Protein backbone atom coordinates (compact mmCIF):
# COMPACT_ATOMS: atom_id res chain seq x y z
CA MET A 1 15.47 -10.76 2.13
CA GLY A 2 16.98 -8.50 -0.24
CA TRP A 3 12.99 -7.73 -2.41
CA VAL A 4 11.80 -7.03 1.61
CA ILE A 5 12.96 -3.37 1.05
CA PRO A 6 11.51 -2.66 -2.51
CA LEU A 7 8.67 -3.77 -1.72
CA LEU A 8 8.33 -1.41 1.34
CA ILE A 9 9.39 1.65 -0.90
CA LEU A 10 6.66 0.79 -3.37
CA VAL A 11 4.17 0.09 -0.11
CA LEU A 12 5.16 4.27 0.59
CA LEU A 13 5.00 5.14 -2.34
CA GLU A 14 1.86 3.31 -3.11
CA ALA A 15 0.18 5.16 0.09
CA SER A 16 1.68 8.63 -1.16
CA ALA A 17 -0.36 7.59 -5.00
CA ASP A 18 -3.13 7.33 -2.33
CA ILE A 19 -3.02 10.98 -0.78
CA LEU A 20 -2.40 12.58 -4.45
CA ALA A 21 -5.40 10.20 -5.68
CA LYS A 22 -7.99 11.43 -3.10
CA THR A 23 -6.30 15.08 -3.64
CA TRP A 24 -7.37 14.72 -6.87
CA GLN A 25 -10.73 13.79 -5.96
CA ILE A 26 -11.32 16.06 -3.59
CA LYS A 27 -9.87 19.53 -5.15
CA SER A 28 -10.12 18.37 -9.29
CA ILE A 29 -7.18 19.46 -10.19
CA TRP A 30 -4.80 17.60 -12.97
CA PHE A 31 -2.37 18.32 -11.83
CA TRP A 32 -2.84 16.17 -8.87
CA ALA A 33 -4.25 12.95 -11.48
CA ALA A 34 -0.86 13.23 -12.98
CA ALA A 35 1.29 13.34 -9.72
CA ALA A 36 -0.65 10.06 -8.67
CA LEU A 37 0.03 8.12 -11.92
CA VAL A 38 3.33 9.36 -11.84
CA ALA A 39 3.68 8.02 -8.55
CA TYR A 40 1.88 4.48 -9.13
CA LEU A 41 4.33 4.62 -11.77
CA LEU A 42 7.35 4.14 -9.91
CA ALA A 43 6.04 2.42 -7.20
CA ASN A 44 5.40 -0.67 -10.08
CA MET A 45 8.79 0.32 -10.80
CA PHE A 46 9.77 -0.77 -6.92
CA TRP A 47 6.94 -4.00 -7.53
CA LEU A 48 9.41 -5.02 -10.14
CA LEU A 49 12.10 -4.98 -8.44
CA SER A 50 10.58 -6.96 -5.29
CA LEU A 51 10.14 -9.36 -8.34
CA LYS A 52 13.01 -9.49 -9.24
CA ASN A 53 14.90 -9.94 -6.13
CA GLY A 54 12.52 -12.63 -4.55
CA ALA A 55 9.69 -12.00 -2.91
CA GLY A 56 8.27 -14.61 -4.68
CA LEU A 57 4.71 -13.54 -7.01
CA ALA A 58 2.12 -15.03 -3.42
CA LYS A 59 4.28 -13.66 -0.65
CA GLY A 60 4.82 -9.71 -2.02
CA ALA A 61 1.26 -9.88 -3.96
CA VAL A 62 0.30 -11.05 -0.22
CA LEU A 63 2.58 -8.24 2.15
CA PHE A 64 2.07 -5.67 -0.25
CA SER A 65 -2.01 -5.21 -0.24
CA ILE A 66 -2.08 -6.44 3.38
CA MET A 67 0.41 -3.91 4.33
CA SER A 68 -1.24 -0.46 1.57
CA ALA A 69 -3.93 -1.71 2.69
CA ILE A 70 -2.76 -0.97 6.74
CA LEU A 71 -1.69 2.13 5.68
CA ALA A 72 -4.84 3.45 3.37
CA VAL A 73 -6.51 2.55 6.76
CA ILE A 74 -4.73 4.44 9.33
CA ILE A 75 -4.19 8.06 6.38
CA GLY A 76 -8.27 7.52 5.34
CA VAL A 77 -8.52 8.19 9.12
CA VAL A 78 -5.99 9.94 10.33
CA PHE A 79 -5.82 12.57 7.86
CA TYR A 80 -9.15 12.58 5.83
CA LYS A 81 -11.20 11.51 8.51
CA GLU A 82 -12.91 8.49 7.01
CA GLN A 83 -14.93 5.43 9.47
CA ILE A 84 -13.62 2.11 9.71
CA THR A 85 -16.59 -0.33 11.27
CA GLN A 86 -15.83 -3.09 13.70
CA ILE A 87 -16.05 -5.70 11.02
CA GLN A 88 -13.11 -3.77 8.81
CA LEU A 89 -11.30 -3.64 12.03
CA ILE A 90 -10.94 -6.65 12.90
CA GLY A 91 -10.73 -8.00 9.34
CA LEU A 92 -6.98 -5.42 9.12
CA ILE A 93 -6.07 -7.44 13.11
CA ILE A 94 -6.33 -10.31 10.60
CA GLY A 95 -4.03 -9.10 7.69
CA ILE A 96 -1.38 -8.50 10.51
CA ILE A 97 -1.81 -12.29 11.63
CA ALA A 98 -1.66 -13.52 7.75
CA ILE A 99 1.82 -11.39 8.13
CA ALA A 100 3.18 -12.95 11.71
CA LEU A 101 2.07 -16.25 9.12
CA ILE A 102 3.81 -15.73 6.11
CA PHE A 103 7.27 -14.99 8.03
CA TRP A 104 6.21 -17.51 9.71
CA GLU A 105 9.03 -20.56 8.93
């Protein structure tokens, strides 16, 4: 389970990069685009660490995708006042169930 911490850091860095990218989209200042690219690069370094420490491609990629999606939706709704549909909410709930099933052994 030494891969979980790098995976969580990956998700947090990816969310930070997404915020920087959204800031670039809103403000159109290239600094924000460059900062987003640096954050994406750092995030992927933690993906490599997670894989090296035993995440496994299938389990790690699914967990990363679902956790990133959940965090991105929360950030979008809370900070950018984006709307989600009921179908999207159901998808998030299914994602949470998927995480539980992946860790069920």
